[in-house]
Amino acid sequence: MTWKQTAELKKILSKESGSIVHDAGGRLRFALIYPNSYRVGMSNLGIHIIYGLLNSRPDISCERFFLPEPKTLAELERTDAQILSLETQTPLNKFSVIGFAISFEQDYFNVVKILRRGKIKIRASERTNFDPLVIAGGPCATFNPEPLSEIFDAFVIGEGEVILPQLFDVLTAMKNFSRREIVEKISDVPGIYVPSLFEHVYKPDGTIEKIVAPKKVSRQYVENLDDFPAHSVIITDETEFNMYLIETARGCGRHCRFCMAGYCFRRPRNRSLEVLKSEVDAAKKFGKKIGLMGAAVSDYPEINALCKYISDAGLPMSVASFRADSVTPELVQTLANSGLKTLTIAPEAGSEKMRRIINKSITEENIFSAVQLGLDAGIKNFKLYFMIGLPFETLEDVEEISGLVLRLKKFHAGGKITLSVNPFIPKPCTPFERASFADKKYLNAALKILRSNLKSQPGVEIISESLKSAKVQAILARGDRRLAGLVAESDSPQKFLQLLKTSGIDENFYLSRERSEEEIFAWDAIDRGFTKKYLSEELKKAEQQKFTPPCFDECKRCGVCNQKIFNF
């Protein structure tokens, strides 16, 4: 199998431009892993950023690994063959440091698969001085690393551009030290969380009595994004979107109460237009569509000027996301001119009441205006994102979703409207971190209402994630160390649910129980720049249907910051 895998990897590498193959002699060998397929992983801008950052150092050789395609993985398992790196087809266990970028809870099981195929001991406690150091970063690591705490030696909390240089300064200087000495030393690096140095003490009811911590670990931020341009480093057609990615901004001041992505980067920061123009200039030679990345690209203050510059360069473009209340005619027209056939809008809820609860500031008027902009630009198809099972939601609120769609369908008789309707998953470090995950009976009833109300409408389609998948994500999102051993033994959601059932741990402890304002959560040892009091106050405002206005001035002068809620 090794020769076949080698041939496959070399074929992938031959289609790339920008990949780097170092002579590893004298360099610390780092395995950068995205725990999903190559096509998905190479569509993740974070992988490009880390790859370029580390390979620019003279003392690091960074190579990539991805989850093999199912057929290849099955053959590797059948023959007990090892997974190999893309750049030099080197086995995973030959690297000194292994780093995972984890964006989604579903990928926890792929982490286990990859480590097994790499002949790496799954549990950090079982590794010796001769085994690689295994670390993780990304949104899941930053928000709640505890369900993975038995697997990883350390976690990167925050933005890698400011953490990784200091981390690798330590690692390259400590090549000949013991594993324990290295782990203790890297814990001094700002933004590095070493779970083995923290003790979680539980009460008889399963909640946490206290966390014995040597210190508080603080999430780290890039102060000036212009210092770290973020764009595609490796060019290949073999990605989900086949685009040249450019990050316009980072963070979000919208205060959407459900959004882990918004709270992950939190502090709004924009790149200068001049820097973005230079990145567009660098992309010209590849002739690819420009993919603008950001929490809400339409919130970028100079979006129209940027659109014009991209158009004048003769390049098509796309955006990762935009807000219905900030989208401009120029942006929509540029997207249409670039070949966009479907405009995506995320109302998240069908009624003004529910949008106040979740702090989604767009109105129905904004939604209709965005649709009109699409129609004016020649776009006839629309995709709408909604959640069901939100805090304080009733089935009457679900009826409002179908009502909104029916009004949109009457407004726009032609074309297609696709509804993506998924269960709300409470995320840690958001105002809804104490909310319940809706039970199966309610979620099925909600979906039944939507399908019944809209089934006779031509050109309306409803797609939804499986409830079982959503349940697993909900358990892991707010999981604690009691789940870490189960995750370490699970290479699939099904196996995880089986082990959970036989463990004696009640899944409803993580899904639907009441959580008090005073409860200590598994993720509380990490300071993410805002207080629990702020989150609790936002939850109360949600119950009262009160709106928190957005802040667009980089959190320097708004009333929220003046109240000392944030530690930026």
Protein backbone atom coordinates (compact mmCIF):
# COMPACT_ATOMS: atom_id res chain seq x y z
CA MET A 1 0.00 0.00 0.00
CA THR A 2 2.91 2.38 0.69
CA TRP A 3 3.92 2.68 -2.96
CA LYS A 4 0.30 3.30 -4.01
CA GLN A 5 -0.19 5.99 -1.36
CA THR A 6 3.13 7.56 -2.36
CA ALA A 7 2.00 7.72 -6.00
CA GLU A 8 -1.30 9.32 -5.03
CA LEU A 9 0.42 11.96 -2.90
CA LYS A 10 2.97 12.78 -5.58
CA LYS A 11 0.13 13.22 -8.07
CA ILE A 12 -1.60 15.69 -5.74
CA LEU A 13 1.67 17.54 -5.16
CA SER A 14 2.33 17.80 -8.90
CA LYS A 15 -0.90 19.78 -9.33
CA GLU A 16 0.11 22.38 -6.75
CA SER A 17 1.95 25.67 -7.05
CA GLY A 18 3.62 27.11 -3.95
CA SER A 19 4.20 23.95 -1.93
CA ILE A 20 7.55 23.87 -0.12
CA VAL A 21 9.86 20.90 0.25
CA HIS A 22 12.76 21.57 2.62
CA ASP A 23 15.81 19.48 3.25
CA ALA A 24 14.82 18.42 6.76
CA GLY A 25 18.42 18.10 7.94
CA GLY A 26 18.93 20.32 10.97
CA ARG A 27 15.33 21.51 10.97
CA LEU A 28 12.61 20.63 13.44
CA ARG A 29 10.07 18.54 11.51
CA PHE A 30 6.47 19.67 12.01
CA ALA A 31 3.44 17.79 10.71
CA LEU A 32 0.53 20.16 9.98
CA ILE A 33 -2.74 18.21 9.90
CA TYR A 34 -6.22 19.15 8.86
CA PRO A 35 -8.43 16.28 10.07
CA ASN A 36 -10.56 16.04 6.96
CA SER A 37 -10.07 15.51 3.24
CA TYR A 38 -7.47 17.32 1.15
CA ARG A 39 -10.19 19.21 -0.75
CA VAL A 40 -11.72 20.49 2.49
CA GLY A 41 -8.41 21.17 4.21
CA MET A 42 -6.93 23.16 1.35
CA SER A 43 -10.06 25.34 1.37
CA ASN A 44 -9.21 26.36 4.94
CA LEU A 45 -7.25 29.62 4.96
CA GLY A 46 -5.76 28.84 8.36
CA ILE A 47 -3.80 25.93 6.89
CA HIS A 48 -2.25 28.26 4.31
CA ILE A 49 -1.36 30.83 6.97
CA ILE A 50 0.36 28.33 9.28
CA TYR A 51 2.13 26.56 6.42
CA GLY A 52 3.58 29.79 5.08
CA LEU A 53 4.45 31.12 8.54
CA LEU A 54 6.38 28.05 9.67
CA ASN A 55 8.11 27.28 6.39
CA SER A 56 9.46 30.83 6.30
CA ARG A 57 11.64 29.91 9.29
CA PRO A 58 15.09 28.46 8.63
CA ASP A 59 14.75 26.04 11.55
CA ILE A 60 11.37 24.46 10.68
CA SER A 61 10.28 22.01 8.01
CA CYS A 62 6.47 21.96 7.86
CA GLU A 63 4.69 19.23 5.90
CA ARG A 64 0.97 18.54 5.51
CA PHE A 65 -1.24 15.57 6.29
CA PHE A 66 -4.95 15.12 5.55
CA LEU A 67 -7.50 12.40 6.18
CA PRO A 68 -7.17 9.95 3.28
CA GLU A 69 -10.20 9.35 1.08
CA PRO A 70 -12.43 6.53 2.43
CA LYS A 71 -11.23 3.93 -0.08
CA THR A 72 -7.57 4.73 0.59
CA LEU A 73 -8.10 4.81 4.35
CA ALA A 74 -9.82 1.42 4.28
CA GLU A 75 -6.87 -0.04 2.35
CA LEU A 76 -4.39 1.51 4.81
CA GLU A 77 -6.29 -0.08 7.68
CA ARG A 78 -6.54 -3.44 5.93
CA THR A 79 -2.81 -3.56 5.31
CA ASP A 80 -1.91 -1.78 8.57
CA ALA A 81 0.05 0.78 6.54
CA GLN A 82 1.07 4.19 7.86
CA ILE A 83 -0.24 7.54 6.70
CA LEU A 84 2.38 9.62 4.85
CA SER A 85 3.07 13.33 4.47
CA LEU A 86 2.18 15.10 1.26
CA GLU A 87 5.52 16.83 0.67
CA THR A 88 8.03 13.99 1.18
CA GLN A 89 5.83 10.93 1.83
CA THR A 90 7.28 10.55 5.32
CA PRO A 91 5.46 8.54 8.04
CA LEU A 92 3.77 10.66 10.71
CA ASN A 93 5.75 9.15 13.57
CA LYS A 94 8.99 10.49 12.08
CA PHE A 95 8.00 14.08 12.91
CA SER A 96 9.03 15.79 16.14
CA VAL A 97 5.87 17.85 16.54
CA ILE A 98 2.37 17.16 15.22
CA GLY A 99 -0.16 19.97 14.99
CA PHE A 100 -3.88 19.68 14.22
CA ALA A 101 -6.09 22.58 13.09
CA ILE A 102 -9.58 21.70 14.35
CA SER A 103 -12.60 23.69 13.25
CA PHE A 104 -15.49 21.29 13.84
CA GLU A 105 -16.51 18.80 16.53
CA GLN A 106 -17.24 16.14 13.88
CA ASP A 107 -13.53 16.05 13.08
CA TYR A 108 -12.55 14.86 16.59
CA PHE A 109 -13.03 11.30 15.38
CA ASN A 110 -10.84 11.94 12.35
CA VAL A 111 -8.09 13.03 14.74
CA VAL A 112 -8.21 9.54 16.27
CA LYS A 113 -8.19 7.87 12.85
CA ILE A 114 -5.15 9.83 11.72
CA LEU A 115 -3.15 9.21 14.88
CA ARG A 116 -3.88 5.48 14.65
CA ARG A 117 -2.77 5.35 11.02
CA GLY A 118 0.30 7.32 11.99
CA LYS A 119 1.23 4.79 14.67
CA ILE A 120 1.03 7.51 17.33
CA LYS A 121 -0.24 6.65 20.80
CA ILE A 122 -3.66 8.24 21.14
CA ARG A 123 -3.31 9.37 24.75
CA ALA A 124 -0.74 11.98 25.68
CA SER A 125 -0.07 10.21 29.00
CA GLU A 126 1.14 7.10 27.13
CA ARG A 127 3.71 8.86 24.97
CA THR A 128 7.39 8.74 25.87
CA ASN A 129 10.40 10.94 25.18
CA PHE A 130 10.70 9.15 21.83
CA ASP A 131 7.21 10.10 20.65
CA PRO A 132 6.17 13.34 18.92
CA LEU A 133 4.63 16.23 20.81
CA VAL A 134 0.97 16.54 19.72
CA ILE A 135 -0.73 19.96 19.80
CA ALA A 136 -3.97 21.45 18.47
CA GLY A 137 -5.27 24.85 17.49
CA GLY A 138 -8.31 26.28 15.77
CA PRO A 139 -11.76 27.36 17.00
CA CYS A 140 -12.55 24.12 18.85
CA ALA A 141 -9.22 24.20 20.68
CA THR A 142 -9.71 27.84 21.67
CA PHE A 143 -13.24 27.43 22.97
CA ASN A 144 -13.31 24.09 24.73
CA PRO A 145 -10.28 21.83 24.55
CA GLU A 146 -11.46 19.52 27.37
CA PRO A 147 -13.09 16.72 25.31
CA LEU A 148 -9.68 16.37 23.62
CA SER A 149 -7.58 16.80 26.76
CA GLU A 150 -6.44 13.16 26.91
CA ILE A 151 -5.19 13.25 23.32
CA PHE A 152 -3.21 16.49 23.09
CA ASP A 153 -0.13 17.60 24.99
CA ALA A 154 -0.99 21.26 24.47
CA PHE A 155 -3.48 23.60 22.82
CA VAL A 156 -2.96 26.90 21.00
CA ILE A 157 -5.50 29.38 22.42
CA GLY A 158 -6.07 32.20 19.97
CA GLU A 159 -4.43 33.32 16.75
CA GLY A 160 -1.42 31.35 15.64
CA GLU A 161 0.51 34.22 14.06
CA VAL A 162 1.40 35.61 17.50
CA ILE A 163 1.65 32.29 19.39
CA LEU A 164 3.49 29.92 17.07
CA PRO A 165 6.72 31.95 16.66
CA GLN A 166 7.26 31.98 20.43
CA LEU A 167 6.21 28.33 20.75
CA PHE A 168 8.67 27.16 18.10
CA ASP A 169 11.46 29.28 19.54
CA VAL A 170 11.09 27.15 22.66
CA LEU A 171 10.68 23.86 20.83
CA THR A 172 13.72 24.31 18.60
CA ALA A 173 15.82 25.25 21.64
CA MET A 174 14.72 22.16 23.61
CA LYS A 175 15.25 19.32 21.13
CA ASN A 176 17.20 17.21 23.62
CA PHE A 177 15.04 17.80 26.69
CA SER A 178 12.59 15.33 28.21
CA ARG A 179 8.96 15.38 27.21
CA ARG A 180 7.89 16.64 30.63
CA GLU A 181 10.46 19.44 30.60
CA ILE A 182 9.29 20.56 27.16
CA VAL A 183 5.62 20.50 28.12
CA GLU A 184 6.24 22.52 31.27
CA LYS A 185 8.38 25.04 29.40
CA ILE A 186 5.91 25.65 26.57
CA SER A 187 3.18 26.29 29.14
CA ASP A 188 4.97 29.60 29.81
CA VAL A 189 4.31 30.73 26.23
CA PRO A 190 1.34 33.13 26.18
CA GLY A 191 -1.66 31.37 24.67
CA ILE A 192 -0.47 27.81 25.29
CA TYR A 193 -2.75 25.60 27.41
CA VAL A 194 -1.27 22.35 28.77
CA PRO A 195 -4.19 20.31 30.16
CA SER A 196 -2.02 17.97 32.23
CA LEU A 197 -1.03 20.92 34.43
CA PHE A 198 -4.68 21.59 35.32
CA GLU A 199 -6.82 19.46 37.63
CA HIS A 200 -10.60 19.33 37.39
CA VAL A 201 -12.34 18.34 40.64
CA TYR A 202 -15.93 17.13 40.27
CA LYS A 203 -18.93 17.18 42.57
CA PRO A 204 -21.07 14.04 43.03
CA ASP A 205 -23.63 15.45 40.58
CA GLY A 206 -21.01 15.62 37.80
CA THR A 207 -20.56 19.39 37.79
CA ILE A 208 -17.14 20.87 38.45
CA GLU A 209 -16.33 21.86 42.02
CA LYS A 210 -13.09 23.61 41.13
CA ILE A 211 -10.29 23.80 38.60
CA VAL A 212 -6.85 23.68 40.17
CA ALA A 213 -4.85 25.85 37.80
CA PRO A 214 -1.24 27.05 37.91
CA LYS A 215 -2.34 30.18 36.02
CA LYS A 216 -5.01 31.59 33.74
CA VAL A 217 -4.32 31.07 30.04
CA SER A 218 -5.28 34.08 27.93
CA ARG A 219 -6.34 33.97 24.31
CA GLN A 220 -3.92 35.82 22.04
CA TYR A 221 -4.74 38.25 19.23
CA VAL A 222 -3.00 39.81 16.27
CA GLU A 223 -3.01 43.54 17.00
CA ASN A 224 -2.45 44.78 13.44
CA LEU A 225 -3.65 42.49 10.68
CA ASP A 226 -1.57 44.36 8.11
CA ASP A 227 1.50 42.84 9.77
CA PHE A 228 0.25 39.37 8.78
CA PRO A 229 -1.30 39.30 5.29
CA ALA A 230 -3.52 36.22 4.99
CA HIS A 231 -4.01 34.66 1.58
CA SER A 232 -3.64 31.39 -0.27
CA VAL A 233 -0.06 30.14 -0.15
CA ILE A 234 -0.54 26.97 -2.17
CA ILE A 235 -2.49 27.13 -5.42
CA THR A 236 -4.40 24.08 -6.62
CA ASP A 237 -7.62 23.33 -8.44
CA GLU A 238 -8.32 20.44 -6.08
CA THR A 239 -10.28 22.36 -3.46
CA GLU A 240 -13.93 22.75 -2.58
CA PHE A 241 -14.22 26.20 -4.16
CA ASN A 242 -11.13 26.53 -6.39
CA MET A 243 -10.42 30.12 -5.35
CA TYR A 244 -7.54 32.34 -4.26
CA LEU A 245 -8.48 33.19 -0.68
CA ILE A 246 -7.87 36.63 0.87
CA GLU A 247 -8.90 37.56 4.40
CA THR A 248 -10.38 41.08 4.57
CA ALA A 249 -10.95 41.30 8.32
CA ARG A 250 -11.04 39.27 11.50
CA GLY A 251 -13.41 39.33 14.41
CA CYS A 252 -16.98 40.51 14.70
CA GLY A 253 -18.72 43.16 16.77
CA ARG A 254 -22.26 42.03 15.94
CA HIS A 255 -22.84 40.26 19.30
CA CYS A 256 -24.93 37.44 17.77
CA ARG A 257 -25.64 35.40 20.89
CA PHE A 258 -25.46 31.96 19.26
CA CYS A 259 -22.27 32.41 17.23
CA MET A 260 -19.06 30.69 18.33
CA ALA A 261 -17.28 32.01 15.23
CA GLY A 262 -18.14 35.57 16.24
CA TYR A 263 -16.83 35.08 19.75
CA CYS A 264 -13.81 33.06 18.62
CA PHE A 265 -12.05 36.08 17.10
CA ARG A 266 -14.37 38.61 18.74
CA ARG A 267 -12.29 41.75 18.46
CA PRO A 268 -13.15 43.40 15.09
CA ARG A 269 -10.06 44.27 13.04
CA ASN A 270 -9.85 45.30 9.38
CA ARG A 271 -6.99 45.05 6.93
CA SER A 272 -6.14 48.24 5.08
CA LEU A 273 -7.39 48.57 1.53
CA GLU A 274 -3.81 49.04 0.31
CA VAL A 275 -2.73 45.69 1.74
CA LEU A 276 -5.74 43.96 0.21
CA LYS A 277 -5.00 45.57 -3.15
CA SER A 278 -1.45 44.24 -3.02
CA GLU A 279 -2.79 40.74 -2.32
CA VAL A 280 -5.17 41.02 -5.27
CA ASP A 281 -2.19 42.08 -7.43
CA ALA A 282 -0.28 38.99 -6.28
CA ALA A 283 -3.25 36.81 -7.22
CA LYS A 284 -3.50 38.07 -10.81
CA LYS A 285 -0.94 35.65 -12.21
CA PHE A 286 -3.02 32.67 -11.11
CA GLY A 287 -6.20 33.88 -12.83
CA LYS A 288 -8.42 32.40 -10.14
CA LYS A 289 -11.61 33.69 -8.61
CA ILE A 290 -10.86 35.79 -5.52
CA GLY A 291 -12.53 34.44 -2.38
CA LEU A 292 -12.91 37.18 0.22
CA MET A 293 -12.90 35.78 3.76
CA GLY A 294 -14.24 37.33 6.94
CA ALA A 295 -17.02 37.02 9.52
CA ALA A 296 -19.16 39.35 7.38
CA VAL A 297 -17.35 40.58 4.29
CA SER A 298 -20.02 43.21 3.59
CA ASP A 299 -19.14 44.85 6.94
CA TYR A 300 -15.69 45.71 5.57
CA PRO A 301 -15.78 49.54 5.46
CA GLU A 302 -14.25 49.81 1.98
CA ILE A 303 -15.99 46.85 0.37
CA ASN A 304 -17.17 48.81 -2.67
CA ALA A 305 -13.67 50.11 -3.42
CA LEU A 306 -12.28 46.59 -3.01
CA CYS A 307 -14.93 45.14 -5.34
CA LYS A 308 -14.07 47.75 -7.97
CA TYR A 309 -10.36 47.02 -7.70
CA ILE A 310 -10.94 43.28 -8.15
CA SER A 311 -13.26 43.91 -11.11
CA ASP A 312 -10.80 46.30 -12.71
CA ALA A 313 -8.14 43.61 -12.38
CA GLY A 314 -10.33 41.37 -14.51
CA LEU A 315 -10.82 38.80 -11.77
CA PRO A 316 -14.09 37.19 -10.65
CA MET A 317 -14.81 37.09 -6.91
CA SER A 318 -16.88 35.43 -4.22
CA VAL A 319 -17.44 36.08 -0.52
CA ALA A 320 -17.49 33.74 2.46
CA SER A 321 -20.44 35.57 4.00
CA PHE A 322 -22.27 38.86 4.01
CA ARG A 323 -24.92 40.58 6.09
CA ALA A 324 -28.30 41.44 4.61
CA ASP A 325 -28.20 44.81 6.39
CA SER A 326 -24.78 45.85 5.06
CA VAL A 327 -24.70 44.31 1.58
CA THR A 328 -24.32 46.89 -1.17
CA PRO A 329 -25.55 46.98 -4.78
CA GLU A 330 -21.91 47.13 -5.92
CA LEU A 331 -21.04 43.95 -4.01
CA VAL A 332 -24.04 42.00 -5.31
CA GLN A 333 -23.47 43.16 -8.88
CA THR A 334 -19.80 42.18 -8.69
CA LEU A 335 -20.80 38.72 -7.42
CA ALA A 336 -23.33 38.36 -10.22
CA ASN A 337 -20.77 39.45 -12.81
CA SER A 338 -18.46 36.77 -11.36
CA GLY A 339 -20.98 34.07 -12.16
CA LEU A 340 -22.83 33.75 -8.84
CA LYS A 341 -26.12 31.95 -9.42
CA THR A 342 -27.40 31.67 -5.84
CA LEU A 343 -27.38 34.43 -3.22
CA THR A 344 -27.09 33.19 0.36
CA ILE A 345 -28.77 35.04 3.24
CA ALA A 346 -28.77 33.99 6.91
CA PRO A 347 -31.86 35.30 8.73
CA GLU A 348 -31.33 32.45 11.28
CA ALA A 349 -34.89 33.01 12.59
CA GLY A 350 -38.23 33.74 10.97
CA SER A 351 -39.61 36.43 13.26
CA GLU A 352 -38.45 39.81 14.51
CA LYS A 353 -38.97 38.49 18.05
CA MET A 354 -36.54 35.59 17.59
CA ARG A 355 -34.01 37.77 15.78
CA ARG A 356 -34.03 40.12 18.80
CA ILE A 357 -33.50 37.13 21.07
CA ILE A 358 -30.46 35.93 19.14
CA ASN A 359 -29.32 39.54 18.53
CA LYS A 360 -29.46 39.17 14.76
CA SER A 361 -29.97 42.77 13.77
CA ILE A 362 -31.36 42.24 10.28
CA THR A 363 -35.02 43.00 9.70
CA GLU A 364 -37.47 41.49 7.24
CA GLU A 365 -37.05 44.66 5.22
CA ASN A 366 -33.29 44.00 5.06
CA ILE A 367 -33.94 40.46 3.82
CA PHE A 368 -36.31 41.62 1.09
CA SER A 369 -33.88 44.39 0.10
CA ALA A 370 -31.06 41.85 -0.25
CA VAL A 371 -33.29 39.66 -2.41
CA GLN A 372 -34.19 42.67 -4.55
CA LEU A 373 -30.51 43.50 -5.00
CA GLY A 374 -29.97 39.94 -6.18
CA LEU A 375 -32.89 40.12 -8.61
CA ASP A 376 -31.68 43.47 -9.96
CA ALA A 377 -28.29 41.86 -10.61
CA GLY A 378 -29.87 38.91 -12.43
CA ILE A 379 -29.59 36.38 -9.58
CA LYS A 380 -32.73 34.24 -9.42
CA ASN A 381 -31.90 31.61 -6.77
CA PHE A 382 -31.61 32.19 -3.04
CA LYS A 383 -30.46 30.08 -0.09
CA LEU A 384 -31.65 30.93 3.41
CA TYR A 385 -30.11 29.65 6.65
CA PHE A 386 -32.34 29.06 9.67
CA MET A 387 -31.98 27.41 13.06
CA ILE A 388 -34.63 25.58 15.06
CA GLY A 389 -34.59 24.84 18.77
CA LEU A 390 -33.25 28.27 19.73
CA PRO A 391 -33.58 29.49 23.34
CA PHE A 392 -37.07 30.83 24.14
CA GLU A 393 -38.38 29.53 20.81
CA THR A 394 -41.82 27.97 20.40
CA LEU A 395 -43.40 26.11 17.50
CA GLU A 396 -45.29 29.31 16.73
CA ASP A 397 -41.89 30.89 16.01
CA VAL A 398 -41.12 28.03 13.62
CA GLU A 399 -44.35 28.84 11.81
CA GLU A 400 -42.88 32.31 11.25
CA ILE A 401 -40.05 30.77 9.23
CA SER A 402 -42.49 29.29 6.72
CA GLY A 403 -44.44 32.56 6.75
CA LEU A 404 -41.33 34.51 5.80
CA VAL A 405 -40.51 32.06 3.02
CA LEU A 406 -44.05 32.24 1.65
CA ARG A 407 -43.85 36.04 1.57
CA LEU A 408 -40.49 35.83 -0.20
CA LYS A 409 -41.91 33.34 -2.68
CA LYS A 410 -44.81 35.66 -3.44
CA PHE A 411 -42.32 38.54 -3.84
CA HIS A 412 -40.14 36.42 -6.15
CA ALA A 413 -42.28 33.91 -8.01
CA GLY A 414 -39.51 32.59 -10.23
CA GLY A 415 -36.23 30.91 -9.34
CA LYS A 416 -35.52 28.57 -6.45
CA ILE A 417 -35.47 29.12 -2.67
CA THR A 418 -33.46 26.61 -0.67
CA LEU A 419 -33.86 26.50 3.10
CA SER A 420 -30.99 25.10 5.15
CA VAL A 421 -32.65 24.34 8.49
CA ASN A 422 -30.49 22.93 11.27
CA PRO A 423 -30.80 22.39 15.01
CA PHE A 424 -29.30 25.11 17.19
CA ILE A 425 -26.21 23.82 19.01
CA PRO A 426 -25.29 25.72 22.20
CA LYS A 427 -21.63 26.68 22.08
CA PRO A 428 -19.26 27.48 24.96
CA CYS A 429 -18.19 31.08 25.58
CA THR A 430 -21.31 32.51 23.99
CA PRO A 431 -24.33 34.04 25.77
CA PHE A 432 -26.21 30.81 25.01
CA GLU A 433 -23.60 28.54 26.61
CA ARG A 434 -26.10 27.65 29.37
CA ALA A 435 -29.00 26.97 26.99
CA SER A 436 -30.53 23.55 26.40
CA PHE A 437 -30.25 21.55 23.21
CA ALA A 438 -33.81 20.95 22.00
CA ASP A 439 -35.10 17.39 22.32
CA LYS A 440 -35.73 15.12 19.35
CA LYS A 441 -39.52 15.37 19.67
CA TYR A 442 -39.49 19.16 19.38
CA LEU A 443 -37.01 19.25 16.51
CA ASN A 444 -39.00 16.66 14.53
CA ALA A 445 -42.17 18.66 15.15
CA ALA A 446 -40.48 21.84 13.94
CA LEU A 447 -39.24 20.19 10.75
CA LYS A 448 -42.68 18.67 10.17
CA ILE A 449 -44.27 22.14 10.37
CA LEU A 450 -41.88 23.57 7.79
CA ARG A 451 -42.21 20.65 5.39
CA SER A 452 -45.98 20.63 5.71
CA ASN A 453 -46.35 24.39 5.19
CA LEU A 454 -43.98 24.55 2.23
CA LYS A 455 -44.42 21.20 0.47
CA SER A 456 -46.90 22.59 -2.06
CA GLN A 457 -44.64 25.50 -2.99
CA PRO A 458 -42.87 24.93 -6.32
CA GLY A 459 -39.22 25.91 -6.28
CA VAL A 460 -38.84 25.61 -2.48
CA GLU A 461 -36.47 22.99 -1.07
CA ILE A 462 -35.65 22.17 2.56
CA ILE A 463 -32.35 20.55 3.54
CA SER A 464 -31.38 19.66 7.09
CA GLU A 465 -28.55 18.06 9.02
CA SER A 466 -29.29 14.73 10.72
CA LEU A 467 -30.50 15.11 14.30
CA LYS A 468 -28.08 12.42 15.49
CA SER A 469 -25.12 14.32 14.06
CA ALA A 470 -26.33 17.53 15.69
CA LYS A 471 -26.71 15.73 19.03
CA VAL A 472 -23.13 14.45 18.95
CA GLN A 473 -21.87 17.96 18.16
CA ALA A 474 -23.93 19.37 21.03
CA ILE A 475 -22.50 16.87 23.51
CA LEU A 476 -18.91 17.52 22.43
CA ALA A 477 -19.26 21.30 22.21
CA ARG A 478 -19.84 21.59 25.96
CA GLY A 479 -18.10 18.38 26.96
CA ASP A 480 -15.70 18.03 29.87
CA ARG A 481 -12.78 15.78 30.74
CA ARG A 482 -15.09 12.89 31.58
CA LEU A 483 -15.69 12.58 27.82
CA ALA A 484 -12.02 12.78 26.86
CA GLY A 485 -11.40 9.07 27.35
CA LEU A 486 -14.43 8.20 25.23
CA VAL A 487 -13.31 10.49 22.42
CA ALA A 488 -9.83 8.92 22.52
CA GLU A 489 -11.42 5.52 21.88
CA SER A 490 -13.84 6.65 19.18
CA ASP A 491 -13.17 6.83 15.47
CA SER A 492 -16.80 7.59 14.60
CA PRO A 493 -19.84 9.32 16.09
CA GLN A 494 -21.58 5.95 16.32
CA LYS A 495 -18.75 4.48 18.40
CA PHE A 496 -18.76 7.56 20.63
CA LEU A 497 -22.50 7.24 21.33
CA GLN A 498 -22.09 3.53 22.08
CA LEU A 499 -19.29 4.19 24.55
CA LEU A 500 -21.24 7.05 26.12
CA LYS A 501 -24.21 4.75 26.66
CA THR A 502 -22.13 2.02 28.31
CA SER A 503 -20.11 4.50 30.39
CA GLY A 504 -23.02 5.35 32.65
CA ILE A 505 -22.74 9.06 31.80
CA ASP A 506 -26.14 10.59 31.04
CA GLU A 507 -26.05 12.37 27.67
CA ASN A 508 -28.67 14.83 28.95
CA PHE A 509 -26.08 16.17 31.39
CA TYR A 510 -24.50 17.82 28.34
CA LEU A 511 -27.66 18.37 26.31
CA SER A 512 -30.68 19.54 28.24
CA ARG A 513 -30.11 20.08 31.97
CA GLU A 514 -30.41 23.44 33.66
CA ARG A 515 -27.11 25.28 34.19
CA SER A 516 -26.86 27.89 36.90
CA GLU A 517 -25.17 31.25 36.52
CA GLU A 518 -22.62 30.22 39.16
CA GLU A 519 -21.65 26.86 37.62
CA ILE A 520 -18.00 26.34 36.80
CA PHE A 521 -17.63 25.14 33.22
CA ALA A 522 -14.89 22.91 31.83
CA TRP A 523 -13.55 25.78 29.69
CA ASP A 524 -13.38 28.38 32.47
CA ALA A 525 -9.61 28.10 33.01
CA ILE A 526 -9.09 30.07 29.80
CA ASP A 527 -9.53 33.84 29.59
CA ARG A 528 -10.97 34.72 26.19
CA GLY A 529 -11.18 38.45 26.76
CA PHE A 530 -14.74 38.78 28.08
CA THR A 531 -16.37 38.01 31.41
CA LYS A 532 -18.95 35.42 32.40
CA LYS A 533 -20.99 38.31 33.77
CA TYR A 534 -21.22 39.78 30.28
CA LEU A 535 -22.43 36.44 28.88
CA SER A 536 -25.04 36.12 31.63
CA GLU A 537 -26.28 39.66 31.05
CA GLU A 538 -26.61 38.96 27.34
CA LEU A 539 -28.67 35.83 28.13
CA LYS A 540 -30.99 37.90 30.31
CA LYS A 541 -31.33 40.47 27.52
CA ALA A 542 -32.21 37.64 25.16
CA GLU A 543 -35.01 36.48 27.44
CA GLN A 544 -36.26 40.07 27.59
CA GLN A 545 -35.96 40.37 23.79
CA LYS A 546 -33.53 43.26 24.17
CA PHE A 547 -31.08 44.11 21.44
CA THR A 548 -27.37 44.88 21.88
CA PRO A 549 -26.16 47.22 19.12
CA PRO A 550 -23.11 46.23 17.07
CA CYS A 551 -19.72 47.86 17.48
CA PHE A 552 -17.78 48.62 14.32
CA ASP A 553 -14.99 50.79 15.76
CA GLU A 554 -12.74 47.89 16.77
CA CYS A 555 -14.04 47.77 20.36
CA LYS A 556 -12.29 50.98 21.43
CA ARG A 557 -15.12 53.35 22.28
CA CYS A 558 -18.44 51.51 22.40
CA GLY A 559 -20.48 51.37 25.59
CA VAL A 560 -19.91 47.67 26.02
CA CYS A 561 -16.14 48.09 26.19
CA ASN A 562 -16.43 51.15 28.41
CA GLN A 563 -18.18 48.95 30.93
CA LYS A 564 -14.98 46.89 31.24
CA ILE A 565 -16.61 43.75 29.92
CA PHE A 566 -13.72 43.02 27.59
CA ASN A 567 -10.04 42.67 28.40
CA PHE A 568 -8.61 43.75 25.06
